[in-house]
Amino acid sequence: MRLGDLWPYLTGYVRIRVTGPSVERFLNLVAAGGRRVWRTRRGRRSLEANVDLPTFRSLRRAARRTRTRVRILERRGLPFVAGRLRRRPLMVLGAALFLSALYVLSAVIWVVDVEGVENLDPALIREVAASYGLRPGVLKTTVDIPEVERGLIQAISGLSWAAVELHGATALIRVVEKDPVVMPDFPTPPADIVAAKDGVITNLIVLAGQAVVKEGDTVRAGDLLIVGLEPAGTPPPPARPGSEQPPAPTRDVVAKGIVKARVWYQAYAEARLHTLTHEPTGRVHRQVALKIGDLVIPLYGWWKRPVGLHERTVVTTPLPWWREGASPVEVVSTTYTEVVAVRQDLTPAEAELVARDAAMQALSEQLPEGVEPVSFGFKVVVKNDIVIGVLVTAETLEDIGRLEQRQRQ
């Protein structure tokens, strides 16, 4: 409503239709009398306009002089609304009771939710909050929020921070748990270094223990690289002829070393030469319904039936209810976006570039953080009238050693 229409709405106005042979003369007589006429719409032998109530009462004389007929199309404004309400006292009473009940219900907390818990029990947090006055069914004005927040932190040792927020009829308790103290896991002898992944060893440096592989060897994930054993004491004297040489004494240690290896990663992707995509036209249809259990009540847009190709998006919003947990009353908003089918054709060269980019993207997700490939290789492994498939291979140099505790025998 515009600001200029506010006063006519408060005092009341009517929309009239004037018919007859002298519509223009009728309008001139009304304007000459200083009366306001607005929102006029002229036809061939008719005129529609808005006039306030005092102006309408004075139109009879102008209508007689111009031999025109005046008919009321609509009655608008506060006086007419009040008149209709006076004729329906039960509806007014029902609306007043509804607004009063809505006000009372909005002043009460019906749901207490907990957010941010990982290890603690949400029921424990609700129980402590209830002991400080925050529970379903209490008035918002009776809850001392700072006291509840302090009580939660003092009563629950696993909390480092707590805050209470009121959203309508829901009280939301946000918490942050204390980080658990984790003691570092130091390996104890014996511990070996094994291969974390497949590769070809290029550089081997042993700092503690004994190497069981050499540069140039191909290893697989889990193979032993450096064993956690070192010589202990003096070696035994040479064995007599014909007798077996006793093993040299060893002691268990934590193996240490650097094992660099060439590691390969592969990724495959393909691109279609002919694709069919859906592009929105800009036309959107919306429908809103109220869902109570299994009953669905249409509220808005049910008369709009989408035709043709559409993409549907459904958003379900639970409404606050009298109990905690999932609400049985939900507002379901469905949006239908009209789309058209668009065909896109690629040449084999263009499809190969698209497949390369997709394969490189998939390969980058496999590479460890901080590892840069030293070389790439591309190979077209699928090529026909439908798709182009590309296999990309990347070679890296990385430390593949992983410390692993060995069970004592």
Protein backbone atom coordinates (compact mmCIF):
# COMPACT_ATOMS: atom_id res chain seq x y z
CA MET A 1 0.00 0.00 0.00
CA ARG A 2 1.34 3.42 -0.98
CA LEU A 3 1.53 6.23 1.53
CA GLY A 4 -1.06 8.23 -0.45
CA ASP A 5 -3.57 5.38 -0.15
CA LEU A 6 -3.28 5.14 3.64
CA TRP A 7 -5.74 7.92 4.51
CA PRO A 8 -8.44 6.77 2.05
CA TYR A 9 -8.09 3.26 3.46
CA LEU A 10 -8.58 4.53 7.01
CA THR A 11 -11.64 6.62 6.09
CA GLY A 12 -13.03 4.19 3.51
CA TYR A 13 -13.53 4.44 -0.24
CA VAL A 14 -15.37 2.66 -3.03
CA ARG A 15 -14.49 1.70 -6.57
CA ILE A 16 -17.25 2.70 -8.95
CA ARG A 17 -18.15 2.13 -12.59
CA VAL A 18 -19.83 4.97 -14.49
CA THR A 19 -21.68 4.11 -17.71
CA GLY A 20 -23.59 6.35 -20.08
CA PRO A 21 -23.24 8.70 -23.03
CA SER A 22 -21.52 11.53 -21.10
CA VAL A 23 -18.82 9.87 -19.03
CA GLU A 24 -16.30 12.64 -19.79
CA ARG A 25 -18.77 15.34 -18.71
CA PHE A 26 -19.52 13.41 -15.51
CA LEU A 27 -15.82 13.29 -14.65
CA ASN A 28 -15.44 17.02 -15.35
CA LEU A 29 -18.38 17.91 -13.06
CA VAL A 30 -16.92 15.83 -10.22
CA ALA A 31 -13.49 17.41 -10.66
CA ALA A 32 -15.03 20.90 -10.82
CA GLY A 33 -16.60 20.30 -7.43
CA GLY A 34 -13.16 19.76 -5.89
CA ARG A 35 -13.70 16.06 -5.34
CA ARG A 36 -10.82 13.59 -5.53
CA VAL A 37 -10.96 10.80 -8.09
CA TRP A 38 -8.00 8.42 -8.54
CA ARG A 39 -7.00 5.20 -10.21
CA THR A 40 -9.26 5.90 -13.17
CA ARG A 41 -9.58 3.47 -16.05
CA ARG A 42 -11.56 4.46 -19.10
CA GLY A 43 -13.45 2.22 -21.48
CA ARG A 44 -15.50 2.90 -24.56
CA ARG A 45 -18.67 4.00 -22.74
CA SER A 46 -17.60 3.43 -19.15
CA LEU A 47 -15.24 4.68 -16.51
CA GLU A 48 -13.86 2.98 -13.39
CA ALA A 49 -12.36 5.01 -10.53
CA ASN A 50 -11.82 5.18 -6.79
CA VAL A 51 -13.68 7.83 -4.77
CA ASP A 52 -13.86 8.49 -1.05
CA LEU A 53 -17.16 8.25 0.81
CA PRO A 54 -18.00 12.01 0.91
CA THR A 55 -17.39 12.21 -2.84
CA PHE A 56 -19.59 9.18 -3.49
CA ARG A 57 -22.51 10.77 -1.64
CA SER A 58 -22.30 13.82 -3.92
CA LEU A 59 -22.24 11.88 -7.20
CA ARG A 60 -26.03 11.64 -7.54
CA ARG A 61 -26.44 15.20 -8.81
CA ALA A 62 -23.67 14.83 -11.41
CA ALA A 63 -25.15 11.50 -12.55
CA ARG A 64 -28.60 13.08 -13.06
CA ARG A 65 -27.19 16.00 -15.04
CA THR A 66 -25.14 13.76 -17.34
CA ARG A 67 -27.67 10.89 -17.56
CA THR A 68 -25.06 8.39 -16.41
CA ARG A 69 -25.37 5.44 -14.11
CA VAL A 70 -23.06 4.86 -11.14
CA ARG A 71 -22.56 1.36 -9.75
CA ILE A 72 -20.35 0.25 -6.86
CA LEU A 73 -17.81 -2.43 -7.77
CA GLU A 74 -15.92 -2.77 -4.49
CA ARG A 75 -16.04 -1.36 -0.98
CA ARG A 76 -12.61 -0.93 0.51
CA GLY A 77 -11.15 0.49 3.68
CA LEU A 78 -11.26 0.16 7.41
CA PRO A 79 -14.93 1.16 7.93
CA PHE A 80 -16.12 -1.66 5.67
CA VAL A 81 -13.78 -4.16 7.32
CA ALA A 82 -15.10 -3.11 10.72
CA GLY A 83 -18.67 -3.46 9.48
CA ARG A 84 -18.04 -6.99 8.26
CA LEU A 85 -16.42 -7.89 11.54
CA ARG A 86 -19.39 -6.53 13.51
CA ARG A 87 -21.62 -8.91 11.58
CA ARG A 88 -19.32 -11.82 12.53
CA PRO A 89 -18.65 -11.57 16.26
CA LEU A 90 -17.72 -15.24 16.58
CA MET A 91 -14.94 -14.84 14.01
CA VAL A 92 -13.60 -11.79 15.88
CA LEU A 93 -13.73 -13.71 19.15
CA GLY A 94 -11.96 -16.70 17.58
CA ALA A 95 -9.23 -14.48 16.13
CA ALA A 96 -8.73 -12.78 19.49
CA LEU A 97 -8.52 -16.13 21.27
CA PHE A 98 -6.09 -17.42 18.64
CA LEU A 99 -3.81 -14.39 18.97
CA SER A 100 -3.95 -14.62 22.76
CA ALA A 101 -3.08 -18.32 22.68
CA LEU A 102 -0.29 -17.65 20.19
CA TYR A 103 1.14 -14.95 22.46
CA VAL A 104 0.99 -17.23 25.49
CA LEU A 105 2.54 -20.15 23.62
CA SER A 106 5.33 -17.97 22.23
CA ALA A 107 6.22 -16.88 25.76
CA VAL A 108 6.84 -20.48 26.85
CA ILE A 109 9.83 -22.72 26.11
CA TRP A 110 8.61 -25.97 24.57
CA VAL A 111 11.81 -27.54 23.20
CA VAL A 112 15.34 -27.69 24.63
CA ASP A 113 17.99 -28.66 22.05
CA VAL A 114 21.70 -29.31 22.58
CA GLU A 115 24.31 -28.57 19.91
CA GLY A 116 28.05 -29.25 19.83
CA VAL A 117 28.24 -32.47 21.86
CA GLU A 118 30.57 -35.24 20.70
CA ASN A 119 31.44 -37.36 23.72
CA LEU A 120 29.04 -36.10 26.39
CA ASP A 121 25.43 -37.25 26.75
CA PRO A 122 22.92 -34.56 25.64
CA ALA A 123 20.45 -35.90 28.23
CA LEU A 124 22.96 -35.05 30.99
CA ILE A 125 23.23 -31.47 29.72
CA ARG A 126 19.42 -31.13 29.62
CA GLU A 127 19.16 -32.54 33.14
CA VAL A 128 21.68 -30.03 34.51
CA ALA A 129 19.97 -27.18 32.64
CA ALA A 130 16.61 -28.26 34.11
CA SER A 131 18.08 -28.08 37.62
CA TYR A 132 18.84 -24.40 36.93
CA GLY A 133 15.33 -23.67 35.63
CA LEU A 134 15.66 -24.28 31.89
CA ARG A 135 13.15 -26.98 30.94
CA PRO A 136 10.17 -27.38 28.56
CA GLY A 137 7.02 -25.66 29.80
CA VAL A 138 8.60 -22.71 31.66
CA LEU A 139 8.15 -19.04 30.81
CA LYS A 140 11.07 -17.39 29.06
CA THR A 141 11.06 -14.53 31.56
CA THR A 142 11.68 -16.93 34.47
CA VAL A 143 14.90 -18.36 33.00
CA ASP A 144 18.16 -16.77 34.18
CA ILE A 145 20.31 -17.46 31.13
CA PRO A 146 23.69 -16.37 32.63
CA GLU A 147 23.01 -18.53 35.69
CA VAL A 148 22.21 -21.55 33.49
CA GLU A 149 25.43 -21.05 31.49
CA ARG A 150 27.56 -20.80 34.64
CA GLY A 151 25.83 -23.82 36.16
CA LEU A 152 26.50 -25.98 33.11
CA ILE A 153 30.24 -25.22 33.10
CA GLN A 154 30.55 -25.75 36.87
CA ALA A 155 28.50 -28.96 37.01
CA ILE A 156 29.94 -30.72 33.94
CA SER A 157 33.72 -31.02 34.00
CA GLY A 158 33.93 -31.93 30.31
CA LEU A 159 32.62 -28.54 29.14
CA SER A 160 34.87 -25.58 28.40
CA TRP A 161 32.12 -23.22 27.15
CA ALA A 162 28.32 -23.09 27.13
CA ALA A 163 25.76 -20.61 25.81
CA VAL A 164 21.96 -20.55 25.81
CA GLU A 165 20.01 -18.99 22.93
CA LEU A 166 16.24 -18.55 22.66
CA HIS A 167 14.70 -18.97 19.20
CA GLY A 168 10.94 -18.69 19.41
CA ALA A 169 9.67 -21.61 21.50
CA THR A 170 13.04 -23.41 21.32
CA ALA A 171 15.96 -23.02 23.74
CA LEU A 172 19.27 -23.96 22.11
CA ILE A 173 22.20 -24.92 24.35
CA ARG A 174 25.51 -24.56 22.48
CA VAL A 175 28.48 -26.24 24.14
CA VAL A 176 32.17 -26.79 23.44
CA GLU A 177 33.79 -29.83 25.00
CA LYS A 178 37.28 -29.85 26.46
CA ASP A 179 39.93 -31.47 24.31
CA PRO A 180 40.97 -34.81 25.80
CA VAL A 181 44.59 -35.06 26.84
CA VAL A 182 46.28 -37.51 24.49
CA MET A 183 49.65 -38.86 25.51
CA PRO A 184 52.08 -39.18 22.60
CA ASP A 185 52.66 -42.74 21.46
CA PHE A 186 56.43 -43.28 21.59
CA PRO A 187 57.51 -46.55 20.01
CA THR A 188 59.62 -48.90 22.08
CA PRO A 189 62.05 -51.53 20.83
CA PRO A 190 61.65 -53.59 18.77
CA ALA A 191 60.24 -51.42 15.94
CA ASP A 192 60.86 -51.81 12.20
CA ILE A 193 60.40 -49.60 9.16
CA VAL A 194 58.07 -51.07 6.53
CA ALA A 195 56.88 -49.79 3.16
CA ALA A 196 53.76 -47.63 3.34
CA LYS A 197 53.09 -48.03 -0.40
CA ASP A 198 54.40 -49.67 -3.55
CA GLY A 199 57.50 -48.19 -5.20
CA VAL A 200 61.06 -48.53 -6.48
CA ILE A 201 63.73 -47.55 -3.95
CA THR A 202 66.03 -44.76 -5.14
CA ASN A 203 67.78 -43.70 -1.93
CA LEU A 204 68.30 -45.62 1.34
CA ILE A 205 69.86 -44.11 4.47
CA VAL A 206 69.95 -46.26 7.64
CA LEU A 207 70.35 -44.38 10.93
CA ALA A 208 69.45 -47.24 13.28
CA GLY A 209 68.83 -50.91 12.51
CA GLN A 210 69.79 -53.01 9.52
CA ALA A 211 68.61 -52.62 5.91
CA VAL A 212 66.97 -55.65 4.32
CA VAL A 213 66.55 -54.02 0.88
CA LYS A 214 68.84 -52.05 -1.42
CA GLU A 215 68.50 -49.22 -3.90
CA GLY A 216 66.78 -50.32 -7.09
CA ASP A 217 64.58 -52.92 -5.37
CA THR A 218 60.85 -52.95 -6.05
CA VAL A 219 58.81 -53.18 -2.86
CA ARG A 220 55.13 -53.47 -2.07
CA ALA A 221 53.16 -51.95 0.76
CA GLY A 222 53.94 -53.79 4.00
CA ASP A 223 57.37 -55.12 2.93
CA LEU A 224 60.14 -54.88 5.55
CA LEU A 225 62.71 -52.18 4.72
CA ILE A 226 64.81 -51.66 7.87
CA VAL A 227 64.71 -54.17 10.72
CA GLY A 228 65.12 -52.91 14.27
CA LEU A 229 68.20 -55.01 15.13
CA GLU A 230 71.80 -53.98 15.83
CA PRO A 231 74.94 -55.95 16.77
CA ALA A 232 75.44 -56.26 20.52
CA GLY A 233 78.78 -56.99 22.19
CA THR A 234 81.72 -58.66 20.52
CA PRO A 235 81.13 -61.11 17.70
CA PRO A 236 81.76 -64.80 18.49
CA PRO A 237 85.12 -66.32 17.51
CA PRO A 238 85.37 -68.16 14.20
CA ALA A 239 83.88 -71.65 14.31
CA ARG A 240 86.05 -74.71 14.11
CA PRO A 241 86.21 -76.56 10.83
CA GLY A 242 83.12 -78.70 10.38
CA SER A 243 81.02 -76.83 12.97
CA GLU A 244 78.31 -74.20 12.42
CA GLN A 245 79.17 -70.54 13.00
CA PRO A 246 77.06 -69.24 15.92
CA PRO A 247 74.99 -66.12 15.13
CA ALA A 248 76.32 -62.75 16.21
CA PRO A 249 74.55 -61.31 19.25
CA THR A 250 71.98 -58.56 18.47
CA ARG A 251 69.77 -56.23 20.42
CA ASP A 252 66.37 -54.77 19.61
CA VAL A 253 66.23 -51.08 18.68
CA VAL A 254 63.79 -48.65 17.11
CA ALA A 255 64.68 -48.59 13.42
CA LYS A 256 65.45 -45.17 11.97
CA GLY A 257 66.17 -44.20 8.40
CA ILE A 258 65.09 -42.51 5.19
CA VAL A 259 63.73 -44.61 2.33
CA LYS A 260 63.09 -42.59 -0.83
CA ALA A 261 61.25 -44.34 -3.64
CA ARG A 262 59.65 -43.70 -7.00
CA VAL A 263 55.87 -43.99 -6.60
CA TRP A 264 53.29 -43.97 -9.40
CA TYR A 265 49.68 -42.79 -9.27
CA GLN A 266 47.04 -43.32 -11.94
CA ALA A 267 43.62 -41.83 -12.62
CA TYR A 268 41.14 -42.39 -15.44
CA ALA A 269 38.41 -40.13 -16.76
CA GLU A 270 36.31 -39.95 -19.89
CA ALA A 271 34.26 -37.35 -21.74
CA ARG A 272 31.25 -37.91 -23.96
CA LEU A 273 31.24 -36.52 -27.48
CA HIS A 274 27.52 -35.75 -27.29
CA THR A 275 25.86 -34.66 -24.04
CA LEU A 276 22.37 -33.51 -23.16
CA THR A 277 22.15 -30.88 -20.42
CA HIS A 278 19.24 -29.08 -18.78
CA GLU A 279 19.31 -25.29 -18.64
CA PRO A 280 16.76 -23.25 -16.63
CA THR A 281 14.38 -20.99 -18.54
CA GLY A 282 13.75 -18.66 -15.62
CA ARG A 283 10.17 -19.80 -15.00
CA VAL A 284 9.64 -21.12 -11.49
CA HIS A 285 6.53 -22.64 -9.86
CA ARG A 286 6.28 -22.88 -6.09
CA GLN A 287 3.94 -24.97 -3.96
CA VAL A 288 3.57 -24.90 -0.19
CA ALA A 289 1.79 -27.56 1.86
CA LEU A 290 1.26 -28.32 5.54
CA LYS A 291 2.09 -31.90 6.50
CA ILE A 292 0.56 -33.32 9.70
CA GLY A 293 1.75 -36.88 10.04
CA ASP A 294 0.67 -38.58 6.80
CA LEU A 295 -1.92 -35.88 5.99
CA VAL A 296 -0.83 -33.24 3.44
CA ILE A 297 -2.87 -30.00 3.23
CA PRO A 298 -2.10 -27.76 0.19
CA LEU A 299 -1.70 -24.10 1.16
CA TYR A 300 -0.30 -22.26 -1.86
CA GLY A 301 0.41 -22.92 -5.50
CA TRP A 302 -1.55 -26.16 -5.74
CA TRP A 303 -3.41 -24.82 -8.76
CA LYS A 304 -0.13 -24.38 -10.66
CA ARG A 305 0.57 -27.62 -12.49
CA PRO A 306 4.07 -27.57 -14.00
CA VAL A 307 4.34 -28.81 -17.56
CA GLY A 308 7.32 -29.92 -19.60
CA LEU A 309 10.76 -30.56 -18.10
CA HIS A 310 11.24 -29.37 -14.53
CA GLU A 311 13.76 -29.79 -11.74
CA ARG A 312 12.12 -30.25 -8.36
CA THR A 313 13.56 -29.05 -5.04
CA VAL A 314 11.80 -29.94 -1.77
CA VAL A 315 12.55 -28.15 1.52
CA THR A 316 10.92 -29.46 4.71
CA THR A 317 10.79 -27.17 7.75
CA PRO A 318 9.63 -28.69 11.07
CA LEU A 319 7.45 -26.45 13.23
CA PRO A 320 7.96 -26.16 17.03
CA TRP A 321 5.51 -28.44 18.81
CA TRP A 322 4.59 -29.48 22.32
CA ARG A 323 7.25 -32.14 22.65
CA GLU A 324 10.93 -32.57 21.95
CA GLY A 325 12.36 -34.55 19.08
CA ALA A 326 11.00 -34.74 15.54
CA SER A 327 7.98 -32.49 15.02
CA PRO A 328 4.85 -34.12 13.53
CA VAL A 329 3.91 -30.82 11.84
CA GLU A 330 6.04 -29.69 8.88
CA VAL A 331 5.87 -27.06 6.16
CA VAL A 332 6.84 -28.61 2.81
CA SER A 333 7.98 -26.13 0.14
CA THR A 334 8.36 -27.54 -3.37
CA THR A 335 10.02 -25.52 -6.14
CA TYR A 336 9.67 -26.54 -9.79
CA THR A 337 12.29 -24.91 -12.04
CA GLU A 338 11.47 -25.19 -15.72
CA VAL A 339 14.40 -26.38 -17.86
CA VAL A 340 15.03 -27.05 -21.52
CA ALA A 341 17.18 -29.81 -22.97
CA VAL A 342 20.32 -28.49 -24.68
CA ARG A 343 22.59 -30.77 -26.71
CA GLN A 344 26.31 -30.09 -26.64
CA ASP A 345 28.65 -31.67 -29.20
CA LEU A 346 32.43 -31.94 -28.82
CA THR A 347 35.10 -32.83 -31.32
CA PRO A 348 37.41 -35.73 -30.38
CA ALA A 349 40.19 -33.24 -29.60
CA GLU A 350 37.92 -31.18 -27.35
CA ALA A 351 36.64 -34.30 -25.58
CA GLU A 352 40.22 -35.45 -24.99
CA LEU A 353 41.05 -32.13 -23.31
CA VAL A 354 37.96 -32.40 -21.10
CA ALA A 355 38.87 -35.97 -20.13
CA ARG A 356 42.46 -34.88 -19.38
CA ASP A 357 41.28 -32.14 -17.05
CA ALA A 358 38.93 -34.53 -15.24
CA ALA A 359 41.67 -37.16 -14.90
CA MET A 360 44.13 -34.57 -13.55
CA GLN A 361 41.53 -33.44 -11.01
CA ALA A 362 41.01 -37.04 -9.87
CA LEU A 363 44.78 -37.58 -9.72
CA SER A 364 45.35 -34.47 -7.59
CA GLU A 365 42.98 -35.91 -4.98
CA GLN A 366 45.18 -39.03 -4.69
CA LEU A 367 48.50 -37.22 -4.19
CA PRO A 368 49.69 -36.75 -0.60
CA GLU A 369 49.81 -33.20 0.68
CA GLY A 370 53.07 -31.47 -0.14
CA VAL A 371 54.17 -34.04 -2.76
CA GLU A 372 54.80 -32.69 -6.26
CA PRO A 373 54.97 -35.07 -9.27
CA VAL A 374 58.23 -35.17 -11.19
CA SER A 375 56.62 -36.35 -14.44
CA PHE A 376 53.25 -36.97 -16.08
CA GLY A 377 52.07 -39.36 -18.76
CA PHE A 378 48.82 -39.26 -20.74
CA LYS A 379 47.33 -42.08 -22.78
CA VAL A 380 44.04 -42.32 -24.67
CA VAL A 381 42.78 -45.80 -23.78
CA VAL A 382 39.18 -45.50 -25.04
CA LYS A 383 38.25 -43.79 -28.31
CA ASN A 384 34.99 -44.33 -30.18
CA ASP A 385 31.97 -42.40 -31.42
CA ILE A 386 30.57 -42.07 -27.90
CA VAL A 387 33.36 -41.35 -25.40
CA ILE A 388 37.05 -40.51 -25.17
CA GLY A 389 38.84 -42.08 -22.17
CA VAL A 390 42.20 -40.79 -20.91
CA LEU A 391 44.54 -42.46 -18.40
CA VAL A 392 46.97 -40.12 -16.64
CA THR A 393 50.03 -41.39 -14.75
CA ALA A 394 52.14 -39.32 -12.35
CA GLU A 395 55.53 -40.23 -10.88
CA THR A 396 56.64 -38.88 -7.50
CA LEU A 397 59.65 -39.18 -5.22
CA GLU A 398 58.64 -39.62 -1.58
CA ASP A 399 59.62 -41.25 1.67
CA ILE A 400 57.65 -44.49 1.87
CA GLY A 401 58.98 -45.67 5.24
CA ARG A 402 56.49 -46.22 8.07
CA LEU A 403 57.49 -47.17 11.62
CA GLU A 404 55.76 -50.31 12.85
CA GLN A 405 55.97 -51.94 16.27
CA ARG A 406 57.22 -55.57 16.16
CA GLN A 407 55.90 -58.16 18.54
CA ARG A 408 58.56 -59.79 20.69
CA GLN A 409 59.02 -63.48 20.08
